C-alpha atoms as a PDB file:
ATOM      1  CA  MET A   1       2.605 288.024 -55.620  1.00  0.00           C
ATOM      2  CA  MET A   2       3.817 285.113 -53.498  1.00  0.00           C
ATOM      3  CA  ASP A   3       1.302 282.806 -55.155  1.00  0.00           C
ATOM      4  CA  LEU A   4       2.601 283.853 -58.568  1.00  0.00           C
ATOM      5  CA  VAL A   5       6.191 283.083 -57.536  1.00  0.00           C
ATOM      6  CA  LYS A   6       5.174 279.672 -56.197  1.00  0.00           C
ATOM      7  CA  THR A   7       3.289 278.910 -59.399  1.00  0.00           C
ATOM      8  CA  VAL A   8       6.305 279.828 -61.502  1.00  0.00           C
ATOM      9  CA  LYS A   9       8.607 277.720 -59.310  1.00  0.00           C
ATOM     10  CA  ASN A  10       6.261 274.740 -59.528  1.00  0.00           C
ATOM     11  CA  ARG A  11       6.095 275.021 -63.306  1.00  0.00           C
ATOM     12  CA  LEU A  12       9.874 275.276 -63.507  1.00  0.00           C
ATOM     13  CA  SER A  13      10.225 272.167 -61.314  1.00  0.00           C
ATOM     14  CA  ILE A  14       7.826 270.243 -63.531  1.00  0.00           C
ATOM     15  CA  SER A  15       9.661 271.437 -66.618  1.00  0.00           C
ATOM     16  CA  LYS A  16      12.986 270.337 -65.131  1.00  0.00           C
ATOM     17  CA  ALA A  17      11.570 266.902 -64.282  1.00  0.00           C
ATOM     18  CA  MET A  18      10.124 266.471 -67.743  1.00  0.00           C
ATOM     19  CA  ALA A  19      13.379 267.637 -69.331  1.00  0.00           C
ATOM     20  CA  THR A  20      15.340 265.145 -67.205  1.00  0.00           C
ATOM     21  CA  MET A  21      13.025 262.293 -68.210  1.00  0.00           C
ATOM     22  CA  ALA A  22      13.296 263.310 -71.852  1.00  0.00           C
ATOM     23  CA  LEU A  23      17.097 263.326 -71.627  1.00  0.00           C
ATOM     24  CA  LEU A  24      17.062 259.845 -70.074  1.00  0.00           C
ATOM     25  CA  LEU A  25      14.793 258.607 -72.847  1.00  0.00           C
ATOM     26  CA  ALA A  26      17.069 260.131 -75.444  1.00  0.00           C
ATOM     27  CA  PHE A  27      20.093 258.449 -73.840  1.00  0.00           C
ATOM     28  CA  MET A  28      18.329 255.087 -73.804  1.00  0.00           C
ATOM     29  CA  CYS A  29      17.305 255.645 -77.383  1.00  0.00           C
ATOM     30  CA  LEU A  30      20.910 256.181 -78.406  1.00  0.00           C
ATOM     31  CA  LEU A  31      21.986 253.042 -76.567  1.00  0.00           C
ATOM     32  CA  MET A  32      19.268 250.934 -78.174  1.00  0.00           C
ATOM     33  CA  PRO A  33      20.809 248.764 -80.940  1.00  0.00           C
ATOM     34  CA  LEU A  34      18.950 249.398 -84.175  1.00  0.00           C
ATOM     35  CA  SER A  35      19.788 245.856 -85.279  1.00  0.00           C
ATOM     36  CA  ALA A  36      18.774 244.076 -82.091  1.00  0.00           C
ATOM     37  CA  MET A  37      17.193 241.317 -84.122  1.00  0.00           C
ATOM     38  CA  ALA A  38      19.175 238.895 -86.210  1.00  0.00           C
ATOM     39  CA  ALA A  39      18.066 236.090 -88.453  1.00  0.00           C
ATOM     40  CA  ILE A  40      19.981 232.938 -89.356  1.00  0.00           C
ATOM     41  CA  THR A  41      20.986 233.114 -93.020  1.00  0.00           C
ATOM     42  CA  ALA A  42      23.089 229.930 -93.237  1.00  0.00           C
ATOM     43  CA  ASN A  43      22.794 226.703 -91.261  1.00  0.00           C
ATOM     44  CA  PRO A  44      25.660 224.196 -90.849  1.00  0.00           C
ATOM     45  CA  GLN A  45      25.545 221.282 -93.297  1.00  0.00           C
ATOM     46  CA  SER A  46      25.871 217.586 -92.537  1.00  0.00           C
ATOM     47  CA  ALA A  47      28.600 215.996 -94.628  1.00  0.00           C
ATOM     48  CA  ASN A  48      30.448 212.673 -94.900  1.00  0.00           C
ATOM     49  CA  TYR A  49      34.079 213.556 -94.115  1.00  0.00           C
ATOM     50  CA  PRO A  50      36.884 211.036 -94.619  1.00  0.00           C
ATOM     51  CA  GLU A  51      38.509 209.891 -91.398  1.00  0.00           C
ATOM     52  CA  TYR A  52      41.499 212.046 -90.369  1.00  0.00           C
ATOM     53  CA  ALA A  53      40.338 214.893 -92.631  1.00  0.00           C
ATOM     54  CA  VAL A  54      39.344 218.412 -91.545  1.00  0.00           C
ATOM     55  CA  ALA A  55      35.609 218.665 -90.839  1.00  0.00           C
ATOM     56  CA  PHE A  56      34.177 222.158 -91.247  1.00  0.00           C
ATOM     57  CA  TYR A  57      30.810 223.587 -90.152  1.00  0.00           C
ATOM     58  CA  GLU A  58      29.538 227.110 -90.788  1.00  0.00           C
ATOM     59  CA  CYS A  59      26.725 229.361 -89.559  1.00  0.00           C
ATOM     60  CA  ASP A  60      25.834 232.929 -90.518  1.00  0.00           C
ATOM     61  CA  ALA A  61      23.344 235.666 -89.618  1.00  0.00           C
ATOM     62  CA  ASP A  62      22.254 238.978 -91.145  1.00  0.00           C
ATOM     63  CA  ASP A  63      23.631 241.088 -88.279  1.00  0.00           C
ATOM     64  CA  GLU A  64      27.282 242.149 -88.427  1.00  0.00           C
ATOM     65  CA  GLY A  65      27.363 242.650 -84.665  1.00  0.00           C
ATOM     66  CA  ALA A  66      25.982 239.204 -83.826  1.00  0.00           C
ATOM     67  CA  GLU A  67      27.887 236.792 -81.578  1.00  0.00           C
ATOM     68  CA  TYR A  68      28.260 233.112 -82.464  1.00  0.00           C
ATOM     69  CA  HIS A  69      28.395 230.354 -79.852  1.00  0.00           C
ATOM     70  CA  TRP A  70      29.000 226.745 -80.904  1.00  0.00           C
ATOM     71  CA  TYR A  71      27.906 223.537 -79.216  1.00  0.00           C
ATOM     72  CA  ILE A  72      28.561 219.841 -79.763  1.00  0.00           C
ATOM     73  CA  VAL A  73      26.339 217.026 -78.506  1.00  0.00           C
ATOM     74  CA  PHE A  74      28.299 213.801 -77.917  1.00  0.00           C
ATOM     75  CA  ASN A  75      26.814 210.685 -76.300  1.00  0.00           C
ATOM     76  CA  GLY A  76      23.839 212.704 -75.034  1.00  0.00           C
ATOM     77  CA  THR A  77      25.917 215.453 -73.388  1.00  0.00           C
ATOM     78  CA  THR A  78      26.044 219.018 -74.734  1.00  0.00           C
ATOM     79  CA  TYR A  79      29.388 220.837 -74.613  1.00  0.00           C
ATOM     80  CA  ASP A  80      29.797 224.594 -75.004  1.00  0.00           C
ATOM     81  CA  PHE A  81      32.878 225.561 -77.031  1.00  0.00           C
ATOM     82  CA  ASP A  82      33.187 228.675 -74.854  1.00  0.00           C
ATOM     83  CA  ASP A  83      33.450 226.539 -71.701  1.00  0.00           C
ATOM     84  CA  THR A  84      37.126 225.594 -71.834  1.00  0.00           C
ATOM     85  CA  ASP A  85      37.097 223.580 -68.600  1.00  0.00           C
ATOM     86  CA  SER A  86      34.215 221.420 -69.756  1.00  0.00           C
ATOM     87  CA  ILE A  87      35.692 220.913 -73.225  1.00  0.00           C
ATOM     88  CA  THR A  88      39.134 219.836 -71.993  1.00  0.00           C
ATOM     89  CA  LYS A  89      37.522 217.110 -69.870  1.00  0.00           C
ATOM     90  CA  ALA A  90      35.258 215.841 -72.636  1.00  0.00           C
ATOM     91  CA  GLU A  91      35.881 212.377 -74.070  1.00  0.00           C
ATOM     92  CA  TRP A  92      35.343 213.460 -77.670  1.00  0.00           C
ATOM     93  CA  ILE A  93      38.475 215.641 -77.829  1.00  0.00           C
ATOM     94  CA  HIS A  94      40.524 212.412 -77.969  1.00  0.00           C
ATOM     95  CA  TYR A  95      38.881 211.703 -81.343  1.00  0.00           C
ATOM     96  CA  VAL A  96      40.395 214.783 -82.980  1.00  0.00           C
ATOM     97  CA  ASP A  97      44.092 214.438 -83.807  1.00  0.00           C
ATOM     98  CA  ASP A  98      45.164 217.966 -84.681  1.00  0.00           C
ATOM     99  CA  GLY A  99      42.898 220.178 -82.634  1.00  0.00           C
ATOM    100  CA  PHE A 100      39.624 221.996 -83.087  1.00  0.00           C
ATOM    101  CA  GLY A 101      38.161 225.445 -82.588  1.00  0.00           C
ATOM    102  CA  ALA A 102      36.164 228.336 -83.947  1.00  0.00           C
ATOM    103  CA  ALA A 103      37.164 230.871 -86.582  1.00  0.00           C
ATOM    104  CA  PRO A 104      38.102 234.377 -85.361  1.00  0.00           C
ATOM    105  CA  ASN A 105      34.708 235.727 -86.432  1.00  0.00           C
ATOM    106  CA  GLY A 106      32.951 232.821 -84.717  1.00  0.00           C
ATOM    107  CA  LYS A 107      30.968 231.874 -87.808  1.00  0.00           C
ATOM    108  CA  SER A 108      32.535 228.447 -88.235  1.00  0.00           C
ATOM    109  CA  ILE A 109      34.179 225.614 -86.332  1.00  0.00           C
ATOM    110  CA  HIS A 110      36.610 222.931 -87.484  1.00  0.00           C
ATOM    111  CA  PHE A 111      37.818 219.529 -86.341  1.00  0.00           C
ATOM    112  CA  ASP A 112      41.287 218.704 -87.691  1.00  0.00           C
ATOM    113  CA  GLY A 113      41.990 214.985 -88.028  1.00  0.00           C
ATOM    114  CA  ILE A 114      38.526 213.720 -87.164  1.00  0.00           C
ATOM    115  CA  HIS A 115      38.028 210.080 -86.087  1.00  0.00           C
ATOM    116  CA  LYS A 116      35.162 207.714 -86.792  1.00  0.00           C
ATOM    117  CA  ASP A 117      34.385 207.759 -83.074  1.00  0.00           C
ATOM    118  CA  LEU A 118      32.825 211.198 -83.588  1.00  0.00           C
ATOM    119  CA  ASP A 119      30.409 209.848 -86.188  1.00  0.00           C
ATOM    120  CA  GLY A 120      26.852 210.664 -85.102  1.00  0.00           C
ATOM    121  CA  ALA A 121      27.710 213.639 -82.898  1.00  0.00           C
ATOM    122  CA  VAL A 122      25.729 216.830 -83.479  1.00  0.00           C
ATOM    123  CA  VAL A 123      26.916 220.422 -83.798  1.00  0.00           C
ATOM    124  CA  TYR A 124      24.883 223.627 -83.869  1.00  0.00           C
ATOM    125  CA  CYS A 125      25.278 227.354 -83.339  1.00  0.00           C
ATOM    126  CA  ILE A 126      23.401 229.925 -81.255  1.00  0.00           C
ATOM    127  CA  VAL A 127      23.484 233.473 -82.595  1.00  0.00           C
ATOM    128  CA  LYS A 128      23.104 236.302 -80.076  1.00  0.00           C
ATOM    129  CA  ALA A 129      22.192 239.851 -81.101  1.00  0.00           C
ATOM    130  CA  GLY A 130      21.270 242.241 -78.331  1.00  0.00           C
ATOM    131  CA  ASP A 131      18.845 240.408 -76.057  1.00  0.00           C
ATOM    132  CA  LYS A 132      17.770 238.017 -78.816  1.00  0.00           C
ATOM    133  CA  GLU A 133      18.995 234.457 -79.405  1.00  0.00           C
ATOM    134  CA  TYR A 134      18.532 232.272 -82.463  1.00  0.00           C
ATOM    135  CA  LYS A 135      19.451 228.605 -82.755  1.00  0.00           C
ATOM    136  CA  SER A 136      20.689 227.250 -86.056  1.00  0.00           C
ATOM    137  CA  GLY A 137      19.719 223.918 -87.503  1.00  0.00           C
ATOM    138  CA  GLU A 138      21.685 220.928 -86.241  1.00  0.00           C
ATOM    139  CA  ALA A 139      24.390 219.277 -88.341  1.00  0.00           C
ATOM    140  CA  ILE A 140      25.290 215.627 -87.862  1.00  0.00           C
ATOM    141  CA  ILE A 141      28.971 214.712 -87.937  1.00  0.00           C
ATOM    142  CA  GLN A 142      29.458 211.854 -90.390  1.00  0.00           C
ATOM    143  CA  VAL A 143      32.830 210.132 -90.838  1.00  0.00           C
ATOM    144  CA  THR A 144      33.655 207.615 -93.589  1.00  0.00           C
ATOM    145  CA  ASP A 145      36.776 205.607 -94.444  1.00  0.00           C
ATOM    146  CA  ALA A 146      40.071 207.411 -94.776  1.00  0.00           C
ATOM    147  CA  GLY A 147      40.922 208.421 -98.317  1.00  0.00           C
ATOM    148  CA  SER A 148      37.304 208.874 -99.376  1.00  0.00           C
ATOM    149  CA  LEU A 149      36.242 211.755-101.557  1.00  0.00           C
ATOM    150  CA  MET A 150      35.904 215.041 -99.681  1.00  0.00           C
ATOM    151  CA  PRO A 151      32.250 216.158 -99.458  1.00  0.00           C
ATOM    152  CA  PRO A 152      31.062 219.118-101.539  1.00  0.00           C
ATOM    153  CA  VAL A 153      30.074 222.439-100.007  1.00  0.00           C
ATOM    154  CA  VAL A 154      26.310 222.788-100.418  1.00  0.00           C
ATOM    155  CA  LYS A 155      24.376 226.030 -99.989  1.00  0.00           C
ATOM    156  CA  VAL A 156      20.668 226.702 -99.589  1.00  0.00           C
ATOM    157  CA  PRO A 157      18.869 229.781 -98.214  1.00  0.00           C
ATOM    158  CA  ALA A 158      18.239 229.431 -94.492  1.00  0.00           C
ATOM    159  CA  SER A 159      14.639 230.578 -94.874  1.00  0.00           C
ATOM    160  CA  VAL A 160      12.238 231.698 -97.568  1.00  0.00           C
ATOM    161  CA  GLU A 161       8.789 233.266 -97.520  1.00  0.00           C
ATOM    162  CA  VAL A 162       5.779 232.458 -99.688  1.00  0.00           C
ATOM    163  CA  ALA A 163       2.013 232.896 -99.521  1.00  0.00           C
ATOM    164  CA  ALA A 164      -0.167 229.805 -99.333  1.00  0.00           C
ATOM    165  CA  GLY A 165      -1.069 228.460-102.742  1.00  0.00           C
ATOM    166  CA  GLU A 166       1.769 230.201-104.554  1.00  0.00           C
ATOM    167  CA  PRO A 167       4.298 227.977-106.370  1.00  0.00           C
ATOM    168  CA  ALA A 168       7.928 228.875-105.850  1.00  0.00           C
ATOM    169  CA  LYS A 169      11.409 227.412-106.125  1.00  0.00           C
ATOM    170  CA  LEU A 170      13.740 225.861-103.598  1.00  0.00           C
ATOM    171  CA  SER A 171      17.303 226.226-104.813  1.00  0.00           C
ATOM    172  CA  CYS A 172      20.445 224.305-103.926  1.00  0.00           C
ATOM    173  CA  THR A 173      23.944 225.189-105.139  1.00  0.00           C
ATOM    174  CA  VAL A 174      27.247 223.348-104.821  1.00  0.00           C
ATOM    175  CA  ASP A 175      30.867 224.429-105.075  1.00  0.00           C
ATOM    176  CA  GLU A 176      31.844 222.282-108.033  1.00  0.00           C
ATOM    177  CA  ALA A 177      35.235 220.637-108.551  1.00  0.00           C
ATOM    178  CA  ASP A 178      36.776 219.454-111.808  1.00  0.00           C
ATOM    179  CA  GLY A 179      35.940 215.917-112.860  1.00  0.00           C
ATOM    180  CA  VAL A 180      33.277 215.438-110.184  1.00  0.00           C
ATOM    181  CA  ASN A 181      29.677 214.533-110.984  1.00  0.00           C
ATOM    182  CA  TYR A 182      26.885 215.795-108.734  1.00  0.00           C
ATOM    183  CA  GLU A 183      23.424 214.396-108.095  1.00  0.00           C
ATOM    184  CA  PHE A 184      20.664 216.146-106.132  1.00  0.00           C
ATOM    185  CA  GLN A 185      17.781 214.891-104.012  1.00  0.00           C
ATOM    186  CA  TRP A 186      15.334 216.926-101.928  1.00  0.00           C
ATOM    187  CA  TYR A 187      13.969 215.809 -98.564  1.00  0.00           C
ATOM    188  CA  LYS A 188      11.287 217.091 -96.238  1.00  0.00           C
ATOM    189  CA  SER A 189      11.329 217.037 -92.416  1.00  0.00           C
ATOM    190  CA  SER A 190       8.254 217.353 -90.246  1.00  0.00           C
ATOM    191  CA  ASN A 191      10.134 218.634 -87.187  1.00  0.00           C
ATOM    192  CA  GLY A 192      13.171 220.333 -88.738  1.00  0.00           C
ATOM    193  CA  THR A 193      15.772 217.703 -87.845  1.00  0.00           C
ATOM    194  CA  LEU A 194      17.864 215.680 -90.266  1.00  0.00           C
ATOM    195  CA  PRO A 195      17.048 212.225 -88.804  1.00  0.00           C
ATOM    196  CA  ASP A 196      13.368 212.927 -89.486  1.00  0.00           C
ATOM    197  CA  ILE A 197      13.744 213.523 -93.239  1.00  0.00           C
ATOM    198  CA  LYS A 198      11.749 211.708 -95.917  1.00  0.00           C
ATOM    199  CA  ALA A 199      12.701 211.718 -99.571  1.00  0.00           C
ATOM    200  CA  ILE A 200      10.425 213.598-101.950  1.00  0.00           C
ATOM    201  CA  LEU A 201       9.866 211.297-104.910  1.00  0.00           C
ATOM    202  CA  GLU A 202       7.857 213.689-107.033  1.00  0.00           C
ATOM    203  CA  GLU A 203       9.083 215.036-110.347  1.00  0.00           C
ATOM    204  CA  GLY A 204      11.735 217.724-109.953  1.00  0.00           C
ATOM    205  CA  ALA A 205      12.916 216.556-106.526  1.00  0.00           C
ATOM    206  CA  ALA A 206      16.144 215.171-108.044  1.00  0.00           C
ATOM    207  CA  LYS A 207      17.296 218.541-109.364  1.00  0.00           C
ATOM    208  CA  ALA A 208      19.131 221.520-107.926  1.00  0.00           C
ATOM    209  CA  GLU A 209      15.918 223.555-108.134  1.00  0.00           C
ATOM    210  CA  MET A 210      12.536 222.226-107.107  1.00  0.00           C
ATOM    211  CA  THR A 211       9.209 223.999-107.616  1.00  0.00           C
ATOM    212  CA  MET A 212       6.668 223.297-104.889  1.00  0.00           C
ATOM    213  CA  THR A 213       3.299 224.630-103.749  1.00  0.00           C
ATOM    214  CA  GLU A 214       1.814 224.523-100.243  1.00  0.00           C
ATOM    215  CA  ASP A 215      -1.849 225.336 -99.678  1.00  0.00           C
ATOM    216  CA  ALA A 216      -1.831 225.549 -95.870  1.00  0.00           C
ATOM    217  CA  PRO A 217      -0.065 228.345 -93.934  1.00  0.00           C
ATOM    218  CA  GLY A 218       2.653 227.148 -91.573  1.00  0.00           C
ATOM    219  CA  THR A 219       6.353 226.355 -91.262  1.00  0.00           C
ATOM    220  CA  TYR A 220       7.958 223.595 -93.320  1.00  0.00           C
ATOM    221  CA  TYR A 221      11.504 222.214 -93.381  1.00  0.00           C
ATOM    222  CA  TYR A 222      13.596 220.923 -96.277  1.00  0.00           C
ATOM    223  CA  TYR A 223      17.069 219.525 -96.912  1.00  0.00           C
ATOM    224  CA  CYS A 224      18.955 219.092-100.165  1.00  0.00           C
ATOM    225  CA  MET A 225      21.250 216.063-100.441  1.00  0.00           C
ATOM    226  CA  VAL A 226      24.139 216.251-102.901  1.00  0.00           C
ATOM    227  CA  THR A 227      26.117 213.174-103.904  1.00  0.00           C
ATOM    228  CA  ALA A 228      29.544 213.813-105.419  1.00  0.00           C
ATOM    229  CA  ALA A 229      31.175 211.022-107.435  1.00  0.00           C
ATOM    230  CA  LYS A 230      34.597 210.743-109.034  1.00  0.00           C
ATOM    231  CA  GLY A 231      36.520 207.669-110.186  1.00  0.00           C
ATOM    232  CA  GLY A 232      34.435 205.182-108.234  1.00  0.00           C
ATOM    233  CA  ALA A 233      34.581 207.235-105.001  1.00  0.00           C
ATOM    234  CA  SER A 234      31.621 209.184-103.666  1.00  0.00           C
ATOM    235  CA  ALA A 235      30.713 211.560-100.871  1.00  0.00           C
ATOM    236  CA  VAL A 236      27.356 212.723 -99.576  1.00  0.00           C
ATOM    237  CA  THR A 237      26.432 216.094 -98.120  1.00  0.00           C
ATOM    238  CA  TYR A 238      23.119 217.205 -96.653  1.00  0.00           C
ATOM    239  CA  SER A 239      22.556 220.924 -96.854  1.00  0.00           C
ATOM    240  CA  GLY A 240      21.742 223.027 -93.860  1.00  0.00           C
ATOM    241  CA  ARG A 241      18.064 223.220 -92.945  1.00  0.00           C
ATOM    242  CA  LEU A 242      15.891 225.287 -95.271  1.00  0.00           C
ATOM    243  CA  THR A 243      12.862 226.728 -93.487  1.00  0.00           C
ATOM    244  CA  VAL A 244       9.851 227.664 -95.594  1.00  0.00           C
ATOM    245  CA  ASN A 245       7.437 230.085 -93.926  1.00  0.00           C
ATOM    246  CA  VAL A 246       4.037 229.955 -95.622  1.00  0.00           C
ATOM    247  CA  SER A 247       1.771 232.911 -94.864  1.00  0.00           C
ATOM    248  CA  GLU A 248      -1.948 233.366 -95.305  1.00  0.00           C
ATOM    249  CA  PRO A 249      -2.946 233.926 -98.940  1.00  0.00           C
ATOM    250  CA  ALA A 250      -3.823 237.427-100.033  1.00  0.00           C
ATOM    251  CA  SER A 251      -7.522 238.236 -99.534  1.00  0.00           C
ATOM    252  CA  GLU A 252      -9.585 237.845-102.663  1.00  0.00           C
ATOM    253  CA  GLU A 253     -12.409 240.101-103.791  1.00  0.00           C
ATOM    254  CA  PRO A 254     -15.912 238.603-103.396  1.00  0.00           C
ATOM    255  CA  THR A 255     -17.101 236.952-106.584  1.00  0.00           C
ATOM    256  CA  GLU A 256     -20.771 237.968-106.678  1.00  0.00           C
ATOM    257  CA  THR A 257     -20.854 237.897-110.437  1.00  0.00           C
ATOM    258  CA  PRO A 258     -22.990 235.916-112.900  1.00  0.00           C
ATOM    259  CA  ASP A 259     -22.180 232.278-113.502  1.00  0.00           C
ATOM    260  CA  ALA A 260     -20.475 233.051-116.799  1.00  0.00           C
ATOM    261  CA  ALA A 261     -18.079 235.412-115.037  1.00  0.00           C
ATOM    262  CA  THR A 262     -17.358 233.080-112.126  1.00  0.00           C
ATOM    263  CA  GLU A 263     -16.365 230.248-114.401  1.00  0.00           C
ATOM    264  CA  GLU A 264     -13.234 232.087-115.544  1.00  0.00           C
ATOM    265  CA  PRO A 265     -11.504 232.097-112.110  1.00  0.00           C
ATOM    266  CA  VAL A 266     -12.287 228.383-111.775  1.00  0.00           C
ATOM    267  CA  GLU A 267     -10.662 227.672-115.143  1.00  0.00           C
ATOM    268  CA  THR A 268      -7.701 229.846-114.197  1.00  0.00           C
ATOM    269  CA  ALA A 269      -7.279 227.948-110.944  1.00  0.00           C
ATOM    270  CA  ALA A 270      -7.302 224.699-112.852  1.00  0.00           C
ATOM    271  CA  GLU A 271      -4.636 226.015-115.158  1.00  0.00           C
ATOM    272  CA  THR A 272      -2.442 227.116-112.264  1.00  0.00           C
ATOM    273  CA  GLU A 273      -2.555 223.618-110.836  1.00  0.00           C
ATOM    274  CA  GLU A 274      -0.449 222.355-113.715  1.00  0.00           C
ATOM    275  CA  PRO A 275       2.861 223.640-112.241  1.00  0.00           C
ATOM    276  CA  SER A 276       1.995 221.827-109.006  1.00  0.00           C
ATOM    277  CA  GLU A 277       1.448 218.607-110.911  1.00  0.00           C
ATOM    278  CA  THR A 278       4.718 218.930-112.780  1.00  0.00           C
ATOM    279  CA  SER A 279       6.551 219.822-109.598  1.00  0.00           C
ATOM    280  CA  GLY A 280       5.221 217.056-107.446  1.00  0.00           C
ATOM    281  CA  GLY A 281       1.553 217.664-106.694  1.00  0.00           C
ATOM    282  CA  PRO A 282      -0.347 214.940-104.856  1.00  0.00           C
ATOM    283  CA  GLU A 283      -1.908 213.634-108.052  1.00  0.00           C
ATOM    284  CA  THR A 284       1.456 212.799-109.601  1.00  0.00           C
ATOM    285  CA  ALA A 285       3.180 211.656-106.422  1.00  0.00           C
ATOM    286  CA  ALA A 286       4.684 208.202-106.478  1.00  0.00           C
ATOM    287  CA  PRO A 287       2.936 205.612-104.287  1.00  0.00           C
ATOM    288  CA  SER A 288       5.203 206.085-101.316  1.00  0.00           C
ATOM    289  CA  GLU A 289       4.676 207.477 -97.835  1.00  0.00           C
ATOM    290  CA  THR A 290       7.687 209.696 -98.432  1.00  0.00           C
ATOM    291  CA  ALA A 291       5.904 211.529-101.211  1.00  0.00           C
ATOM    292  CA  THR A 292       2.370 211.943 -99.971  1.00  0.00           C
ATOM    293  CA  GLU A 293       2.982 215.292 -98.298  1.00  0.00           C
ATOM    294  CA  LYS A 294       2.594 218.558-100.209  1.00  0.00           C
ATOM    295  CA  PRO A 295       5.762 220.546 -99.504  1.00  0.00           C
ATOM    296  CA  SER A 296       5.938 224.289 -99.664  1.00  0.00           C
ATOM    297  CA  SER A 297       8.452 226.486-101.367  1.00  0.00           C
ATOM    298  CA  SER A 298       9.760 229.915-102.107  1.00  0.00           C
ATOM    299  CA  ALA A 299      12.298 231.542-104.349  1.00  0.00           C
ATOM    300  CA  SER A 300      15.749 231.568-102.831  1.00  0.00           C
ATOM    301  CA  GLY A 301      15.821 235.332-103.125  1.00  0.00           C
ATOM    302  CA  GLY A 302      12.536 235.838-101.286  1.00  0.00           C
ATOM    303  CA  ILE A 303      12.145 238.676 -98.829  1.00  0.00           C
ATOM    304  CA  ASN A 304      13.035 237.722 -95.274  1.00  0.00           C
ATOM    305  CA  ILE A 305      10.353 238.810 -92.784  1.00  0.00           C
ATOM    306  CA  MET A 306      13.004 239.129 -90.082  1.00  0.00           C
ATOM    307  CA  SER A 307      14.877 241.652 -92.233  1.00  0.00           C
ATOM    308  CA  LEU A 308      11.704 243.699 -92.644  1.00  0.00           C
ATOM    309  CA  LEU A 309      11.170 243.644 -88.883  1.00  0.00           C
ATOM    310  CA  ILE A 310      14.739 244.832 -88.341  1.00  0.00           C
ATOM    311  CA  ILE A 311      14.168 247.752 -90.702  1.00  0.00           C
ATOM    312  CA  LEU A 312      10.847 248.586 -89.000  1.00  0.00           C
ATOM    313  CA  VAL A 313      12.412 248.550 -85.518  1.00  0.00           C
ATOM    314  CA  SER A 314      15.260 250.755 -86.741  1.00  0.00           C
ATOM    315  CA  VAL A 315      12.862 253.303 -88.278  1.00  0.00           C
ATOM    316  CA  LEU A 316      10.727 253.390 -85.129  1.00  0.00           C
ATOM    317  CA  GLY A 317      13.842 253.898 -83.010  1.00  0.00           C
ATOM    318  CA  ILE A 318      14.928 256.839 -85.127  1.00  0.00           C
ATOM    319  CA  LEU A 319      11.444 258.414 -84.953  1.00  0.00           C
ATOM    320  CA  VAL A 320      11.410 258.059 -81.157  1.00  0.00           C
ATOM    321  CA  CYS A 321      14.812 259.742 -80.937  1.00  0.00           C
ATOM    322  CA  ILE A 322      13.627 262.645 -83.095  1.00  0.00           C
ATOM    323  CA  ALA A 323      10.456 263.042 -81.015  1.00  0.00           C
ATOM    324  CA  VAL A 324      12.464 263.080 -77.771  1.00  0.00           C
ATOM    325  CA  VAL A 325      14.822 265.750 -79.092  1.00  0.00           C
ATOM    326  CA  ILE A 326      11.861 267.908 -80.164  1.00  0.00           C
ATOM    327  CA  VAL A 327      10.313 267.600 -76.687  1.00  0.00           C
ATOM    328  CA  ILE A 328      13.603 268.612 -75.054  1.00  0.00           C
ATOM    329  CA  VAL A 329      13.912 271.688 -77.284  1.00  0.00           C
ATOM    330  CA  ILE A 330      10.331 272.753 -76.530  1.00  0.00           C
ATOM    331  CA  LEU A 331      10.789 272.339 -72.776  1.00  0.00           C
ATOM    332  CA  LEU A 332      14.055 274.260 -72.779  1.00  0.00           C
ATOM    333  CA  PHE A 333      12.444 277.046 -74.848  1.00  0.00           C
ATOM    334  CA  LYS A 334       9.566 277.324 -72.382  1.00  0.00           C
ATOM    335  CA  LYS A 335      12.022 277.381 -69.506  1.00  0.00           C
ATOM    336  CA  LYS A 336      13.839 280.361 -70.976  1.00  0.00           C
ATOM    337  CA  LYS A 337      10.565 282.224 -71.333  1.00  0.00           C
END
């Protein structure tokens, strides 16, 4: 009889321990942010602002709960906008007449009454979501003569996805103003920074939309330059960085068919090369080192892999929570028995 009592007590102790662990897991599950991953959806643009004008830079992410932290690099020193003591002692604040700061939501910063002395400084944003951090592309502060035309607001997708060998479009839009003419030019950067850009001289690179094809998987960087002109005045804006993620091509079925059957895919491949030629393939590239690379592309509305990962993590979190609750119910039911 005593052995039976001890056995029951031991089982109850184990059940209590397991129930406690399950409750802790459930609590942690509830605390876990389902959107712990954020992806940059808009990078700050580099624009030529007239001296004494208001310079504006914007960053955005696909997580409503994300935090935005801005930085400026001036004369080789990086200043954190959240570090008030460091900012107030910085030399560059004397080159802003009417103040500076971040918007209430943190997604943008402004410099009111900017001086030419700030020309060449760099600004960027770090987005924090949960324990994840993402750095935006860098924007270069550019200041021209007072009274110049204000630069246009240029928008490109922060990132697009495409499989290797698939042609797709890079799109660039501008907030148009009355009486202003706009010209477009696409650039490619090997390391993702604006100073590294090289103009793409292939056909279609001087339009708001450019169709490109990249055969090798990897990450590629692009910028769209927009020149606004009105009444003899002009202003130039470089878009934020556009990252093109090229994945491995979809696996193809083995072609162990007779020669007559295998010729058709070859002819089809030849036909599909025509868009590449018209959109700047290597055969039609101008004889310039700036146009010898084969850029990649994707539609501006392409699916963001980061968004899919966020959804996957959220679903897994919910399933874990459900499983933990089921375990707790079972343990409590056994305990009552």
